C-alpha cells in the first residue's frame, strides 16, 4: 500500500525508531518534536513513559492504554498522554498517525 502522506512529509528526515515495522518522519522544532508515523500490524508496544504526547490517527486504528485505561482510536480520533504517565499501544492493522512530543529529542534522525 502506498503511503497516505504527501511528498512534503515523505521528504522530512527519517526517524531512528527501535521497532520493526514502524517508520516515522521528523518535524523538529526548538522545543517539541512531531513525528508522522506509518505503523504496520506489529502487535504490542510495551508500557513506557516520557514527556507529554498528543496525537491524532489519520488511517487505521490502535488500542491505546493510558494509566491502565484502554480505548480504541480510529481515523480522526485524538489522544493526550500527560507527562510521566505509563502507556502502551497495540496495532492490529496498518496505522498512520502523528504524535507531537514534549521531548524535542524523543526520536532522532536516522544516520
Protein backbone atom coordinates (compact mmCIF):
# COMPACT_ATOMS: atom_id res chain seq x y z
CA UNK A 1 0.00 0.00 0.00
CA UNK A 2 1.26 3.44 -0.90
CA UNK A 3 1.80 5.98 1.89
CA UNK A 4 -1.05 8.40 2.56
CA UNK A 5 1.46 11.16 3.28
CA UNK A 6 2.16 13.79 0.64
CA UNK A 7 5.67 14.27 -0.76
CA UNK A 8 6.13 17.23 1.60
CA UNK A 9 6.02 14.87 4.60
CA UNK A 10 7.81 11.97 2.89
CA UNK A 11 10.80 14.28 2.32
CA UNK A 12 11.20 15.03 6.04
CA UNK A 13 14.13 13.31 7.83
CA UNK A 14 13.52 9.66 8.70
CA UNK A 15 13.34 8.88 12.41
CA UNK A 16 15.59 6.30 14.04
CA UNK A 17 12.89 4.10 15.61
CA UNK A 18 13.82 0.90 17.50
CA UNK A 19 10.73 -1.09 16.43
CA UNK A 20 10.49 -3.29 13.33
CA UNK A 21 7.52 -2.31 11.18
CA UNK A 22 7.47 1.33 12.32
CA UNK A 23 8.63 4.25 10.19
CA UNK A 24 8.44 7.93 11.01
CA UNK A 25 9.24 11.31 9.52
CA UNK A 26 10.50 14.04 11.86
CA UNK A 27 9.41 17.65 12.08
CA UNK A 28 11.61 19.09 14.80
CA UNK A 29 11.28 22.46 16.46
CA UNK A 30 13.39 24.09 19.16
CA UNK A 31 11.15 22.84 21.99
CA UNK A 32 9.00 20.00 20.59
CA UNK A 33 9.01 17.17 18.06
CA UNK A 34 6.30 15.97 15.68
CA UNK A 35 6.54 12.51 14.09
CA UNK A 36 4.39 11.29 11.20
CA UNK A 37 4.23 7.53 11.81
CA UNK A 38 3.47 4.65 9.45
CA UNK A 39 2.97 1.56 11.62
CA UNK A 40 2.44 -1.98 10.38
CA UNK A 41 0.34 -4.51 12.33
CA UNK A 42 3.20 -5.02 14.81
CA UNK A 43 1.15 -6.00 17.86
CA UNK A 44 2.17 -4.60 21.23
CA UNK A 45 4.37 -1.62 22.08
CA UNK A 46 5.45 -2.21 25.69
CA UNK A 47 4.42 0.06 28.54
CA UNK A 48 6.67 3.11 28.90
CA UNK A 49 6.66 6.78 29.93
CA UNK A 50 8.17 10.08 28.79
CA UNK A 51 7.15 13.74 28.44
CA UNK A 52 3.65 14.75 27.34
CA UNK A 53 2.37 13.46 23.99
CA UNK A 54 -0.61 14.50 21.85
CA UNK A 55 -1.63 12.63 18.72
CA UNK A 56 -4.20 12.05 16.02
CA UNK A 57 -4.95 8.95 13.92
CA UNK A 58 -5.13 9.56 10.16
CA UNK A 59 -5.88 5.97 8.99
CA UNK A 60 -6.14 2.57 10.67
CA UNK A 61 -6.61 2.08 14.40
CA UNK A 62 -4.80 1.37 17.62
CA UNK A 63 -5.65 0.27 21.13
CA UNK A 64 -4.00 2.74 23.48
CA UNK A 65 -3.73 2.13 27.21
CA UNK A 66 -3.13 5.26 29.28
CA UNK A 67 -2.66 4.82 33.02
CA UNK A 68 -4.42 1.44 32.94
CA UNK A 69 -7.42 2.51 30.80
CA UNK A 70 -7.62 1.10 27.25
CA UNK A 71 -9.51 2.74 24.37
CA UNK A 72 -9.55 2.10 20.63
CA UNK A 73 -8.61 5.09 18.48
CA UNK A 74 -9.60 5.28 14.80
CA UNK A 75 -9.42 7.77 11.93
CA UNK A 76 -9.90 11.30 13.23
CA UNK A 77 -9.54 10.41 16.93
CA UNK A 78 -7.18 12.42 19.11
CA UNK A 79 -5.45 11.43 22.35
CA UNK A 80 -3.34 13.05 25.02
CA UNK A 81 -0.85 11.38 27.35
CA UNK A 82 0.30 13.59 30.24
CA UNK A 83 4.00 13.72 31.10
CA UNK A 84 5.26 10.74 33.09
CA UNK A 85 2.09 8.62 32.70
CA UNK A 86 2.56 4.93 31.86
CA UNK A 87 1.10 3.97 28.48
CA UNK A 88 1.26 1.21 25.86
CA UNK A 89 -0.30 0.54 22.46
CA UNK A 90 -1.38 -2.31 20.22
CA UNK A 91 -1.56 -2.22 16.42
CA UNK A 92 -3.57 -4.94 14.65
CA UNK A 93 -3.71 -3.21 11.26
CA UNK A 94 -1.59 -0.71 9.37
CA UNK A 95 -1.98 2.70 11.00
CA UNK A 96 -0.93 6.23 10.12
CA UNK A 97 -0.77 8.76 12.94
CA UNK A 98 1.02 11.88 14.03
CA UNK A 99 2.38 12.47 17.52
CA UNK A 100 3.58 15.75 18.99
CA UNK A 101 6.09 15.13 21.78
CA UNK A 102 7.02 17.49 24.58
CA UNK A 103 10.50 15.91 24.46
CA UNK A 104 12.27 17.51 21.49
CA UNK A 105 14.73 14.60 21.30
CA UNK A 106 12.25 11.70 21.79
CA UNK A 107 13.38 10.41 18.37
CA UNK A 108 16.48 11.40 16.45
CA UNK A 109 17.14 11.39 12.69
CA UNK A 110 18.32 8.09 11.22
CA UNK A 111 22.01 8.19 10.28
